[in-house]
Protein backbone atom coordinates (compact mmCIF):
# COMPACT_ATOMS: atom_id res chain seq x y z
CA MET A 1 108.69 189.78 212.92
CA ASN A 2 111.65 191.66 214.47
CA SER A 3 115.26 190.54 213.99
CA GLN A 4 115.54 188.94 217.45
CA LYS A 5 112.42 186.88 216.87
CA LYS A 6 113.70 185.82 213.44
CA LEU A 7 116.99 184.78 215.03
CA GLU A 8 115.25 182.70 217.70
CA GLN A 9 113.04 181.03 215.09
CA PHE A 10 116.02 180.18 212.89
CA ILE A 11 118.20 178.84 215.72
CA GLN A 12 115.52 176.71 217.33
CA HIS A 13 113.42 175.55 214.38
CA GLY A 14 115.43 176.28 211.23
CA TYR A 15 116.17 172.58 210.66
CA LYS A 16 112.56 172.19 209.49
CA ASP A 17 113.21 174.42 206.48
CA TYR A 18 116.97 174.04 205.95
CA LEU A 19 119.35 171.11 205.45
CA PRO A 20 121.12 170.60 208.81
CA ASN A 21 124.63 169.69 207.66
CA VAL A 22 125.09 171.65 204.43
CA SER A 23 125.90 175.34 204.02
CA ILE A 24 126.86 177.73 201.25
CA ASP A 25 129.83 180.10 201.63
CA CYS A 26 130.42 182.77 199.01
CA THR A 27 133.62 184.56 198.06
CA ILE A 28 132.28 187.77 196.52
CA PHE A 29 134.85 189.61 194.44
CA GLY A 30 134.61 193.26 193.44
CA TYR A 31 137.06 195.62 191.73
CA HIS A 32 137.66 199.24 192.76
CA ASP A 33 140.53 201.72 192.41
CA ARG A 34 142.65 199.09 190.65
CA LYS A 35 142.32 196.75 193.62
CA LEU A 36 140.55 193.42 193.96
CA LYS A 37 138.10 193.42 196.87
CA VAL A 38 136.28 190.71 198.81
CA LEU A 39 133.11 191.13 200.87
CA LEU A 40 133.32 190.04 204.53
CA LEU A 41 130.98 189.84 207.52
CA ASN A 42 131.87 190.79 211.10
CA TRP A 43 130.24 188.35 213.56
CA LYS A 44 128.52 189.35 216.77
CA THR A 45 129.96 186.17 218.27
CA PRO A 46 132.37 184.46 218.00
CA GLU A 47 134.28 187.66 217.37
CA GLY A 48 135.85 187.76 213.96
CA TRP A 49 135.25 188.05 210.24
CA SER A 50 134.00 185.51 207.75
CA LEU A 51 132.70 185.12 204.23
CA PRO A 52 128.99 185.62 203.61
CA GLY A 53 127.10 182.35 203.78
CA GLY A 54 123.93 180.62 204.74
CA ARG A 55 121.97 177.39 204.81
CA VAL A 56 120.39 175.51 201.94
CA LYS A 57 116.61 175.35 201.97
CA ARG A 58 115.15 171.90 201.62
CA ASN A 59 113.26 172.84 198.47
CA GLU A 60 115.98 174.70 196.54
CA SER A 61 119.02 173.77 194.45
CA LEU A 62 122.54 174.75 195.46
CA GLN A 63 122.63 177.37 192.70
CA LEU A 64 119.36 178.93 193.82
CA SER A 65 120.53 178.88 197.43
CA ALA A 66 123.78 180.68 196.55
CA SER A 67 121.86 183.24 194.46
CA ARG A 68 119.48 183.93 197.34
CA ILE A 69 122.30 184.35 199.87
CA LEU A 70 124.21 186.69 197.57
CA SER A 71 121.13 188.77 196.85
CA GLU A 72 120.48 189.16 200.59
CA ARG A 73 124.06 190.36 201.20
CA THR A 74 124.54 192.58 198.12
CA GLY A 75 121.07 193.68 197.00
CA LEU A 76 121.87 192.45 193.49
CA GLU A 77 120.08 189.94 191.25
CA GLU A 78 121.46 187.78 188.42
CA ILE A 79 124.98 187.61 189.87
CA PHE A 80 127.77 185.69 188.14
CA LEU A 81 128.27 182.57 190.26
CA ASN A 82 130.62 179.63 190.05
CA GLN A 83 130.74 176.61 192.35
CA PHE A 84 134.40 175.76 192.90
CA HIS A 85 135.00 173.47 195.90
CA THR A 86 133.49 171.57 198.81
CA PHE A 87 134.96 172.17 202.27
CA GLY A 88 134.65 169.89 205.26
CA ASP A 89 137.77 167.75 205.64
CA SER A 90 138.41 169.12 209.11
CA VAL A 91 136.17 167.74 211.85
CA PHE A 92 136.88 170.93 213.82
CA ARG A 93 135.25 173.41 211.39
CA GLN A 94 132.48 174.30 213.86
CA GLN A 95 134.45 174.13 217.11
CA ARG A 96 135.19 177.83 217.45
CA PHE A 97 131.49 178.53 217.19
CA LYS A 98 130.27 175.54 219.19
CA HIS A 99 132.32 176.04 222.32
CA THR A 100 132.44 179.80 222.64
CA LYS A 101 130.86 181.17 225.82
CA ALA A 102 129.83 184.21 223.85
CA LEU A 103 126.82 182.37 222.40
CA SER A 104 124.90 183.96 225.23
CA LYS A 105 125.16 187.28 223.36
CA PHE A 106 122.41 186.06 221.05
CA ASN A 107 120.02 185.73 224.01
CA VAL A 108 118.76 182.45 222.57
CA ASP A 109 118.93 178.99 224.13
CA PHE A 110 120.92 176.89 221.64
CA GLY A 111 120.79 173.71 223.74
CA GLU A 112 123.48 171.02 223.68
CA ASP A 113 122.41 169.40 220.40
CA ASN A 114 121.35 172.38 218.34
CA TRP A 115 121.35 171.66 214.60
CA LEU A 116 123.63 174.66 213.91
CA LEU A 117 126.42 173.28 216.12
CA ASP A 118 126.87 169.98 214.32
CA ARG A 119 129.63 169.34 211.79
CA THR A 120 128.77 171.05 208.51
CA LEU A 121 129.98 170.62 204.94
CA SER A 122 130.23 173.87 202.99
CA ILE A 123 129.80 174.31 199.25
CA GLY A 124 132.07 177.12 198.05
CA PHE A 125 130.90 179.54 195.36
CA TYR A 126 132.68 182.59 194.07
CA ALA A 127 130.80 185.57 192.68
CA LEU A 128 131.80 188.56 190.56
CA VAL A 129 129.95 191.84 191.04
CA ASP A 130 130.12 195.49 190.05
CA TYR A 131 131.53 197.09 193.21
CA SER A 132 129.63 200.34 192.69
CA LEU A 133 126.24 198.61 192.66
CA VAL A 134 126.60 196.59 195.87
CA ASN A 135 124.73 197.59 199.03
CA PRO A 136 126.43 195.41 201.71
CA GLN A 137 124.01 194.02 204.30
CA PRO A 138 124.82 191.94 207.42
CA ASP A 139 122.76 188.88 208.36
CA LEU A 140 121.19 187.73 211.65
CA PHE A 141 124.50 186.57 213.13
CA THR A 142 126.64 189.54 212.07
CA GLU A 143 126.79 193.27 212.71
CA GLU A 144 128.78 194.59 209.76
CA CYS A 145 129.30 193.75 206.11
CA ARG A 146 131.99 195.56 204.12
CA TRP A 147 134.67 195.29 201.48
CA TRP A 148 138.28 194.38 202.22
CA ASP A 149 141.30 194.59 199.91
CA ILE A 150 142.17 191.04 198.99
CA TYR A 151 145.68 191.39 200.44
CA ASP A 152 144.48 192.94 203.71
CA VAL A 153 142.08 190.15 204.68
CA PRO A 154 142.52 189.27 208.39
CA GLY A 155 142.54 185.80 209.91
CA LEU A 156 138.99 184.60 209.32
CA LEU A 157 136.69 182.30 211.27
CA PHE A 158 136.44 178.62 210.40
CA ASP A 159 138.39 177.75 207.21
CA HIS A 160 137.39 180.84 205.26
CA ASN A 161 140.94 182.02 204.50
CA GLU A 162 141.43 178.74 202.67
CA MET A 163 138.18 179.36 200.80
CA ILE A 164 139.39 182.74 199.56
CA GLU A 165 142.72 181.26 198.45
CA LYS A 166 140.99 178.52 196.46
CA ALA A 167 138.42 180.93 195.02
CA LEU A 168 141.15 183.32 193.85
CA ALA A 169 143.16 180.48 192.30
CA THR A 170 140.04 179.31 190.46
CA LEU A 171 139.25 182.83 189.26
CA ARG A 172 142.77 183.30 187.90
CA HIS A 173 142.63 180.00 186.07
CA GLN A 174 139.21 180.67 184.55
CA MET A 175 140.19 184.14 183.31
CA TYR A 176 142.02 182.37 180.49
CA TYR A 177 138.84 180.59 179.41
CA GLU A 178 135.97 182.92 180.30
CA PRO A 179 135.48 186.70 179.72
CA ILE A 180 135.48 187.47 183.45
CA GLY A 181 135.77 191.26 183.16
CA TYR A 182 132.14 191.70 182.15
CA ASN A 183 131.03 191.24 185.75
CA LEU A 184 133.66 193.41 187.44
CA LEU A 185 133.81 196.50 185.22
CA PRO A 186 131.17 199.16 184.60
CA GLU A 187 129.15 198.85 181.41
CA LYS A 188 131.53 201.14 179.52
CA PHE A 189 135.29 201.17 180.04
CA THR A 190 138.57 202.09 178.38
CA LEU A 191 141.23 199.65 177.17
CA PRO A 192 143.61 200.69 179.98
CA GLU A 193 140.87 199.93 182.51
CA ILE A 194 140.28 196.37 181.35
CA HIS A 195 144.04 195.90 180.98
CA ASP A 196 144.58 197.00 184.60
CA LEU A 197 141.82 194.66 185.79
CA TYR A 198 143.46 191.60 184.27
CA GLU A 199 146.92 192.59 185.52
CA THR A 200 145.57 193.14 189.04
CA ILE A 201 143.86 189.75 189.26
CA LEU A 202 146.53 187.72 187.47
CA GLU A 203 149.41 189.52 189.19
CA LYS A 204 151.40 189.63 185.97
CA THR A 205 152.39 192.27 183.43
CA LEU A 206 150.47 192.11 180.16
CA ASP A 207 151.52 193.72 176.89
CA ARG A 208 149.47 196.89 176.47
CA ARG A 209 149.20 196.43 172.70
CA ASN A 210 148.66 192.71 172.28
CA PHE A 211 146.27 192.24 175.21
CA PRO A 212 143.41 194.44 173.89
CA LYS A 213 143.99 193.20 170.33
CA LYS A 214 143.32 189.68 171.56
CA LEU A 215 140.01 190.63 173.18
CA ILE A 216 138.92 192.63 170.12
CA SER A 217 139.87 189.86 167.69
CA LEU A 218 137.76 187.38 169.66
CA GLY A 219 134.79 189.74 169.43
CA ILE A 220 134.50 189.88 173.23
CA ILE A 221 134.65 193.68 173.41
CA LYS A 222 133.66 196.30 170.86
CA LYS A 223 134.67 199.89 170.37
CA LEU A 224 132.09 202.65 170.89
CA LYS A 225 131.92 206.08 169.32
CA GLU A 226 131.98 207.64 172.77
CA ARG A 227 135.14 208.84 174.50
CA LYS A 228 136.02 209.23 178.17
CA ASN A 229 137.37 212.65 179.04
CA ILE A 230 140.11 212.08 181.61
CA GLY A 231 142.15 215.25 181.19
CA PRO A 232 143.63 217.76 178.73
CA HIS A 233 144.18 216.04 175.35
CA ARG A 234 143.23 212.69 176.92
CA ALA A 235 139.96 211.23 175.74
CA PRO A 236 140.33 207.52 174.97
CA PHE A 237 137.54 205.63 173.27
CA LEU A 238 135.15 203.66 175.42
CA TYR A 239 134.47 199.96 174.92
CA ARG A 240 131.82 197.55 176.08
CA PHE A 241 131.43 193.80 176.13
CA ASP A 242 129.53 192.29 173.22
CA LYS A 243 126.87 190.45 175.23
CA ARG A 244 126.07 187.99 172.46
CA ASN A 245 129.69 186.96 171.98
CA TYR A 246 130.23 187.06 175.75
CA ASP A 247 127.41 184.58 176.36
CA LYS A 248 128.72 182.36 173.59
CA ALA A 249 132.21 182.42 175.12
CA LEU A 250 130.78 181.46 178.51
CA LYS A 251 129.02 178.51 176.91
CA ASP A 252 131.76 177.34 174.54
CA GLY A 253 134.85 178.62 176.33
CA LEU A 254 137.69 180.60 174.80
CA SER A 255 141.45 180.55 174.87
CA LEU A 256 143.35 183.62 176.00
CA SER A 257 147.13 183.48 175.96
CA PHE A 258 148.78 186.52 177.49
């Protein structure tokens, strides 16, 4: 089935397989060149950018739905996911989409009472991914999917700027209780690299001696015998997360005071 046929099928009959008034929107964070990134989609119509999202199938949980949507947009499996907020206070969330004349660009008859045009509640998830492993893919309604620096994000469709703000606030709070860096850094990294990651996200200066000591003392990261050659007389040791202690910290929580 070609993409146009899939689009027509989804618009006209998708309510049979998906919940009509519930959607998932995902704030996907990545980290690259000491900058926090977020993955955005460029819509065919209405013109503008938004977070990746999708509808919840009638036979799947919210977590499974979010995992499916993220896999379709990134090409990754087993992504770190956290549900953080429900959006829908505004009765005008869908208006920019519902009343735009540009719906004709899809070459599909929506009709006056199409299930996609009704007021929708959105469950917000944030995800953490290794930037280098992501293969961004647009969906049926969009023509481009790419990374944006978190501080360069444009005005987004619907209430998605608010979603990013709340997702970032949640991420910053949870960094004190969960070993977040595991999902944003490559498998092996130096102490300066994980230090820079935390400073970038938290937007605060951290002591370069006490910060890594804290992570090492908690058993979250462990030193390897390997070194990273980054220049003449500069070959710092590499570290990696201790997966066993990491999983335990995710389950039990931890307390990081920087």
